[in-house]
N, C-alpha and C. Protein backbone atom coordinates (compact mmCIF):
# COMPACT_ATOMS: atom_id res chain seq x y z
N MET A 1 115.50 117.11 82.30
CA MET A 1 114.81 117.74 83.40
C MET A 1 113.50 118.34 82.91
N HIS A 2 112.54 118.26 83.77
CA HIS A 2 111.24 118.84 83.51
C HIS A 2 111.26 120.29 84.00
N GLN A 3 110.26 121.10 83.67
CA GLN A 3 110.24 122.50 84.07
C GLN A 3 110.22 122.68 85.59
N THR A 4 109.75 121.71 86.32
CA THR A 4 109.67 121.84 87.77
C THR A 4 111.02 121.60 88.44
N GLY A 5 112.01 121.22 87.67
CA GLY A 5 113.32 120.95 88.25
C GLY A 5 113.50 119.48 88.63
N ARG A 6 112.46 118.71 88.48
CA ARG A 6 112.54 117.29 88.78
C ARG A 6 112.66 116.53 87.47
N PRO A 7 113.34 115.39 87.48
CA PRO A 7 113.43 114.61 86.25
C PRO A 7 112.07 114.05 85.87
N LYS A 8 111.79 114.04 84.58
CA LYS A 8 110.54 113.51 84.08
C LYS A 8 110.63 111.98 84.07
N LEU A 9 109.67 111.33 84.71
CA LEU A 9 109.66 109.88 84.78
C LEU A 9 108.82 109.33 83.65
N THR A 10 109.42 108.53 82.81
CA THR A 10 108.69 107.94 81.70
C THR A 10 109.08 106.47 81.58
N GLY A 11 108.27 105.75 80.87
CA GLY A 11 108.57 104.36 80.59
C GLY A 11 108.65 103.51 81.85
N ARG A 12 109.66 102.67 81.89
CA ARG A 12 109.75 101.74 83.01
C ARG A 12 110.28 102.38 84.28
N HIS A 13 110.74 103.63 84.22
CA HIS A 13 111.23 104.32 85.41
C HIS A 13 110.12 105.02 86.17
N ALA A 14 108.92 105.10 85.55
CA ALA A 14 107.80 105.75 86.23
C ALA A 14 107.29 104.86 87.35
N ARG A 15 107.02 105.46 88.50
CA ARG A 15 106.50 104.71 89.64
C ARG A 15 105.06 105.14 89.88
N ALA A 16 104.23 104.16 90.11
CA ALA A 16 102.83 104.44 90.38
C ALA A 16 102.69 104.97 91.81
N TRP A 17 101.77 105.90 91.97
CA TRP A 17 101.49 106.43 93.30
C TRP A 17 100.33 105.65 93.90
N TYR A 18 100.44 105.33 95.16
CA TYR A 18 99.36 104.67 95.89
C TYR A 18 99.10 105.43 97.18
N PRO A 19 97.84 105.48 97.62
CA PRO A 19 97.55 106.12 98.90
C PRO A 19 98.28 105.35 100.02
N PRO A 20 98.57 106.00 101.12
CA PRO A 20 99.31 105.33 102.20
C PRO A 20 98.65 104.04 102.67
N ALA A 21 97.34 103.98 102.66
CA ALA A 21 96.66 102.76 103.12
C ALA A 21 96.90 101.57 102.21
N LEU A 22 97.21 101.82 100.94
CA LEU A 22 97.38 100.73 99.97
C LEU A 22 98.83 100.43 99.63
N ARG A 23 99.75 101.01 100.34
CA ARG A 23 101.17 100.71 100.10
C ARG A 23 101.49 99.34 100.66
N TRP A 24 102.45 98.69 100.03
CA TRP A 24 102.72 97.29 100.37
C TRP A 24 103.08 97.10 101.83
N GLY A 25 103.76 98.04 102.44
CA GLY A 25 104.14 97.91 103.84
C GLY A 25 102.92 97.82 104.76
N ASN A 26 101.93 98.68 104.52
CA ASN A 26 100.71 98.64 105.33
C ASN A 26 99.92 97.36 105.09
N LEU A 27 99.88 96.90 103.86
CA LEU A 27 99.12 95.69 103.56
C LEU A 27 99.79 94.45 104.14
N VAL A 28 101.12 94.40 104.09
CA VAL A 28 101.84 93.27 104.70
C VAL A 28 101.66 93.31 106.22
N PHE A 29 101.77 94.49 106.80
CA PHE A 29 101.56 94.65 108.25
C PHE A 29 100.16 94.18 108.64
N THR A 30 99.16 94.55 107.86
CA THR A 30 97.79 94.14 108.14
C THR A 30 97.64 92.63 108.05
N ALA A 31 98.23 92.03 107.04
CA ALA A 31 98.15 90.57 106.91
C ALA A 31 98.84 89.88 108.09
N LEU A 32 99.98 90.40 108.52
CA LEU A 32 100.67 89.81 109.67
C LEU A 32 99.86 89.95 110.95
N ILE A 33 99.22 91.09 111.12
CA ILE A 33 98.36 91.28 112.30
C ILE A 33 97.20 90.29 112.27
N CYS A 34 96.60 90.09 111.11
CA CYS A 34 95.50 89.12 110.99
C CYS A 34 95.97 87.72 111.36
N TRP A 35 97.14 87.32 110.86
CA TRP A 35 97.67 86.00 111.20
C TRP A 35 98.00 85.90 112.69
N ALA A 36 98.48 86.98 113.28
CA ALA A 36 98.75 86.98 114.72
C ALA A 36 97.46 86.81 115.51
N PHE A 37 96.38 87.50 115.09
CA PHE A 37 95.09 87.33 115.75
C PHE A 37 94.60 85.89 115.63
N ILE A 38 94.77 85.29 114.47
CA ILE A 38 94.37 83.90 114.28
C ILE A 38 95.15 82.99 115.22
N ALA A 39 96.46 83.22 115.34
CA ALA A 39 97.29 82.40 116.23
C ALA A 39 96.87 82.55 117.68
N VAL A 40 96.61 83.77 118.12
CA VAL A 40 96.17 84.00 119.50
C VAL A 40 94.83 83.32 119.76
N LEU A 41 93.90 83.45 118.82
CA LEU A 41 92.60 82.81 118.99
C LEU A 41 92.73 81.29 119.04
N GLN A 42 93.61 80.73 118.21
CA GLN A 42 93.83 79.28 118.24
C GLN A 42 94.43 78.85 119.58
N TYR A 43 95.34 79.65 120.10
CA TYR A 43 95.94 79.34 121.40
C TYR A 43 94.86 79.32 122.49
N TYR A 44 94.02 80.34 122.52
CA TYR A 44 92.97 80.38 123.53
C TYR A 44 91.93 79.28 123.32
N LEU A 45 91.64 78.93 122.09
CA LEU A 45 90.73 77.82 121.82
C LEU A 45 91.31 76.51 122.36
N HIS A 46 92.59 76.28 122.09
CA HIS A 46 93.25 75.07 122.57
C HIS A 46 93.28 75.04 124.10
N LYS A 47 93.65 76.16 124.70
CA LYS A 47 93.70 76.25 126.16
C LYS A 47 92.32 76.02 126.76
N SER A 48 91.30 76.58 126.15
CA SER A 48 89.94 76.43 126.65
C SER A 48 89.46 74.98 126.52
N GLN A 49 89.79 74.33 125.42
CA GLN A 49 89.34 72.95 125.22
C GLN A 49 90.08 71.97 126.11
N THR A 50 91.36 72.20 126.37
CA THR A 50 92.13 71.26 127.19
C THR A 50 91.94 71.49 128.68
N GLU A 51 91.73 72.74 129.09
CA GLU A 51 91.62 73.06 130.51
C GLU A 51 90.19 73.35 130.94
N GLY A 52 89.25 73.31 130.01
CA GLY A 52 87.86 73.55 130.35
C GLY A 52 87.51 75.02 130.49
N GLY A 53 88.38 75.90 130.11
CA GLY A 53 88.13 77.34 130.19
C GLY A 53 89.43 78.10 130.11
N VAL A 54 89.35 79.40 130.06
CA VAL A 54 90.54 80.24 129.94
C VAL A 54 90.89 80.87 131.29
N ILE A 55 89.90 81.25 132.05
CA ILE A 55 90.13 81.91 133.34
C ILE A 55 89.12 81.36 134.35
N PHE A 56 89.60 81.10 135.53
CA PHE A 56 88.74 80.52 136.56
C PHE A 56 88.74 81.41 137.79
N ALA A 57 87.57 81.59 138.35
CA ALA A 57 87.42 82.31 139.62
C ALA A 57 86.06 81.94 140.20
N ALA A 58 86.05 81.76 141.50
CA ALA A 58 84.78 81.46 142.15
C ALA A 58 83.85 82.67 142.09
N ASP A 59 84.45 83.84 142.17
CA ASP A 59 83.68 85.08 142.14
C ASP A 59 84.43 86.08 141.27
N ILE A 60 83.73 86.81 140.43
CA ILE A 60 84.38 87.78 139.54
C ILE A 60 85.11 88.86 140.33
N ASN A 61 84.65 89.16 141.52
CA ASN A 61 85.30 90.19 142.33
C ASN A 61 86.62 89.72 142.92
N SER A 62 86.90 88.41 142.90
CA SER A 62 88.17 87.92 143.43
C SER A 62 89.31 88.07 142.42
N LEU A 63 88.99 88.38 141.16
CA LEU A 63 90.04 88.60 140.16
C LEU A 63 90.58 90.02 140.27
N PRO A 64 91.88 90.19 140.09
CA PRO A 64 92.41 91.56 140.07
C PRO A 64 91.83 92.35 138.89
N LEU A 65 91.73 93.65 139.05
CA LEU A 65 91.12 94.50 138.02
C LEU A 65 91.86 94.40 136.69
N ARG A 66 93.19 94.39 136.72
CA ARG A 66 93.92 94.35 135.45
C ARG A 66 93.69 93.03 134.71
N ARG A 67 93.51 91.93 135.45
CA ARG A 67 93.28 90.65 134.79
C ARG A 67 91.86 90.59 134.22
N SER A 68 90.89 91.07 134.97
CA SER A 68 89.52 91.06 134.44
C SER A 68 89.40 92.03 133.26
N PHE A 69 90.12 93.16 133.31
CA PHE A 69 90.13 94.08 132.16
C PHE A 69 90.74 93.41 130.94
N ALA A 70 91.85 92.69 131.14
CA ALA A 70 92.53 92.02 130.02
C ALA A 70 91.65 90.98 129.36
N TYR A 71 90.82 90.31 130.12
CA TYR A 71 89.98 89.28 129.55
C TYR A 71 88.62 89.79 129.08
N LEU A 72 88.11 90.82 129.73
CA LEU A 72 86.76 91.27 129.41
C LEU A 72 86.71 92.44 128.41
N TYR A 73 87.60 93.41 128.56
CA TYR A 73 87.48 94.65 127.78
C TYR A 73 88.58 94.85 126.75
N LEU A 74 89.78 94.39 127.02
CA LEU A 74 90.89 94.62 126.10
C LEU A 74 90.66 94.03 124.71
N PRO A 75 90.11 92.81 124.58
CA PRO A 75 89.84 92.31 123.22
C PRO A 75 88.90 93.21 122.42
N THR A 76 87.91 93.79 123.09
CA THR A 76 86.99 94.68 122.40
C THR A 76 87.69 95.96 121.96
N VAL A 77 88.53 96.51 122.82
CA VAL A 77 89.28 97.72 122.48
C VAL A 77 90.19 97.46 121.28
N ILE A 78 90.89 96.34 121.30
CA ILE A 78 91.78 95.98 120.19
C ILE A 78 90.97 95.79 118.90
N ALA A 79 89.83 95.12 118.99
CA ALA A 79 89.00 94.89 117.80
C ALA A 79 88.50 96.19 117.20
N VAL A 80 88.13 97.14 118.05
CA VAL A 80 87.63 98.42 117.54
C VAL A 80 88.73 99.17 116.80
N PHE A 81 89.93 99.24 117.41
CA PHE A 81 91.03 99.93 116.73
C PHE A 81 91.45 99.23 115.45
N PHE A 82 91.46 97.90 115.45
CA PHE A 82 91.81 97.17 114.25
C PHE A 82 90.76 97.37 113.16
N SER A 83 89.48 97.43 113.54
CA SER A 83 88.44 97.64 112.53
C SER A 83 88.55 99.04 111.92
N ILE A 84 88.97 100.02 112.69
CA ILE A 84 89.19 101.36 112.13
C ILE A 84 90.30 101.31 111.09
N PHE A 85 91.36 100.57 111.37
CA PHE A 85 92.48 100.42 110.44
C PHE A 85 92.02 99.70 109.16
N ILE A 86 91.22 98.65 109.31
CA ILE A 86 90.72 97.90 108.15
C ILE A 86 89.78 98.77 107.30
N VAL A 87 88.93 99.54 107.95
CA VAL A 87 88.01 100.42 107.21
C VAL A 87 88.80 101.48 106.43
N TRP A 88 89.89 101.98 107.01
CA TRP A 88 90.76 102.94 106.31
C TRP A 88 91.28 102.32 105.01
N ILE A 89 91.77 101.10 105.07
CA ILE A 89 92.29 100.42 103.88
C ILE A 89 91.15 100.19 102.88
N ASP A 90 90.02 99.69 103.37
CA ASP A 90 88.89 99.40 102.49
C ASP A 90 88.39 100.66 101.78
N HIS A 91 88.25 101.74 102.52
CA HIS A 91 87.74 102.98 101.93
C HIS A 91 88.73 103.54 100.90
N ASP A 92 90.01 103.53 101.21
CA ASP A 92 90.97 104.04 100.24
C ASP A 92 91.03 103.17 98.98
N ALA A 93 90.87 101.87 99.12
CA ALA A 93 90.85 101.00 97.93
C ALA A 93 89.66 101.34 97.05
N LYS A 94 88.51 101.57 97.65
CA LYS A 94 87.32 101.92 96.87
C LYS A 94 87.43 103.32 96.27
N ARG A 95 88.04 104.24 96.99
CA ARG A 95 88.21 105.61 96.49
C ARG A 95 89.21 105.67 95.35
N PHE A 96 90.24 104.85 95.41
CA PHE A 96 91.34 104.87 94.45
C PHE A 96 91.00 104.13 93.16
N GLU A 97 90.05 103.21 93.20
CA GLU A 97 89.75 102.35 92.06
C GLU A 97 89.40 103.10 90.77
N PRO A 98 88.56 104.14 90.79
CA PRO A 98 88.26 104.82 89.52
C PRO A 98 89.51 105.41 88.86
N TYR A 99 90.42 105.95 89.63
CA TYR A 99 91.62 106.56 89.06
C TYR A 99 92.59 105.51 88.57
N ARG A 100 92.63 104.36 89.23
CA ARG A 100 93.46 103.25 88.75
C ARG A 100 92.94 102.77 87.41
N LEU A 101 91.62 102.69 87.27
CA LEU A 101 91.04 102.26 86.00
C LEU A 101 91.31 103.26 84.89
N MET A 102 91.25 104.55 85.20
CA MET A 102 91.50 105.57 84.17
C MET A 102 92.96 105.61 83.75
N SER A 103 93.86 105.16 84.59
CA SER A 103 95.29 105.25 84.26
C SER A 103 95.76 104.11 83.37
N ARG A 104 94.89 103.18 83.04
CA ARG A 104 95.28 102.11 82.12
C ARG A 104 95.64 102.70 80.77
N SER A 105 96.44 101.99 80.01
CA SER A 105 96.90 102.53 78.73
C SER A 105 95.75 102.80 77.77
N TYR A 106 94.68 102.04 77.84
CA TYR A 106 93.54 102.25 76.95
C TYR A 106 92.41 103.01 77.63
N GLY A 107 92.63 103.51 78.84
CA GLY A 107 91.66 104.35 79.53
C GLY A 107 90.50 103.56 80.10
N ALA A 108 89.42 104.27 80.38
CA ALA A 108 88.23 103.63 80.95
C ALA A 108 87.01 104.48 80.61
N ARG A 109 85.88 103.81 80.50
CA ARG A 109 84.62 104.53 80.28
C ARG A 109 84.21 105.21 81.58
N GLY A 110 83.34 106.19 81.47
CA GLY A 110 82.89 106.93 82.65
C GLY A 110 82.14 106.06 83.65
N ASP A 111 81.30 105.14 83.14
CA ASP A 111 80.51 104.31 84.06
C ASP A 111 81.35 103.30 84.82
N GLU A 112 82.56 103.02 84.33
CA GLU A 112 83.43 102.09 85.05
C GLU A 112 84.59 102.80 85.75
N SER A 113 84.56 104.12 85.75
CA SER A 113 85.65 104.84 86.43
C SER A 113 85.09 105.96 87.30
N LEU A 114 84.90 107.13 86.74
CA LEU A 114 84.49 108.28 87.55
C LEU A 114 83.10 108.16 88.15
N LEU A 115 82.24 107.38 87.53
CA LEU A 115 80.88 107.25 88.04
C LEU A 115 80.72 106.12 89.06
N LEU A 116 81.83 105.43 89.37
CA LEU A 116 81.77 104.41 90.42
C LEU A 116 81.54 105.09 91.76
N HIS A 117 80.76 104.48 92.59
CA HIS A 117 80.53 105.05 93.92
C HIS A 117 80.61 103.96 94.97
N TYR A 118 81.64 103.14 94.90
CA TYR A 118 81.82 102.05 95.86
C TYR A 118 81.81 102.50 97.32
N PRO A 119 82.46 103.62 97.68
CA PRO A 119 82.45 103.97 99.10
C PRO A 119 81.07 104.27 99.66
N PHE A 120 80.10 104.52 98.80
CA PHE A 120 78.78 104.90 99.27
C PHE A 120 77.73 103.81 99.04
N ASP A 121 78.13 102.68 98.47
CA ASP A 121 77.21 101.57 98.27
C ASP A 121 76.97 100.86 99.60
N PHE A 122 75.89 100.09 99.64
CA PHE A 122 75.61 99.25 100.80
C PHE A 122 76.73 98.21 100.89
N LEU A 123 77.46 98.21 101.99
CA LEU A 123 78.70 97.45 102.13
C LEU A 123 78.60 95.99 101.73
N PRO A 124 77.60 95.22 102.17
CA PRO A 124 77.57 93.80 101.77
C PRO A 124 77.36 93.59 100.27
N MET A 125 76.86 94.60 99.57
CA MET A 125 76.59 94.45 98.13
C MET A 125 77.79 94.83 97.25
N VAL A 126 78.80 95.48 97.81
CA VAL A 126 79.94 95.96 97.01
C VAL A 126 80.62 94.84 96.23
N PRO A 127 80.95 93.67 96.84
CA PRO A 127 81.62 92.63 96.04
C PRO A 127 80.77 92.15 94.87
N PHE A 128 79.46 92.09 95.06
CA PHE A 128 78.58 91.62 93.97
C PHE A 128 78.51 92.66 92.85
N VAL A 129 78.44 93.92 93.21
CA VAL A 129 78.42 94.99 92.19
C VAL A 129 79.74 94.99 91.43
N ALA A 130 80.86 94.84 92.14
CA ALA A 130 82.18 94.82 91.49
C ALA A 130 82.32 93.61 90.57
N ALA A 131 81.83 92.46 91.01
CA ALA A 131 81.90 91.25 90.17
C ALA A 131 81.04 91.40 88.92
N LYS A 132 79.90 92.04 89.07
CA LYS A 132 79.01 92.26 87.93
C LYS A 132 79.67 93.17 86.89
N ARG A 133 80.42 94.17 87.37
CA ARG A 133 81.10 95.11 86.46
C ARG A 133 82.32 94.46 85.80
N GLY A 134 82.81 93.40 86.39
CA GLY A 134 83.97 92.70 85.82
C GLY A 134 85.20 93.17 86.46
């Protein structure tokens, strides 16, 4: 027992801590949601190509409000909420990276760990900066 009353975890019994956004359950859930979005988009693409469109009406006002909302606004609402979820995962991965590098058995230099500033870099350049660092 350790002084805190909890058993000391060493060796192969030690478990790594990950932020909630990077736990395997959230990542699997995110991957499944992405595949579900792909399947839905493929369905609508197929329906549109075979039937010449997804929804037909002579006048937009002849459609019920809930149906026009489902086709016009709901996809945007879903995309915004999903992008917030993706940004949460992305930001936590970038925030956690310096500490993951320092926890290696041989440690890490300051410029490749604590001095990383991925969350504040220009977003399209982050993969290139990370690839350059190795």
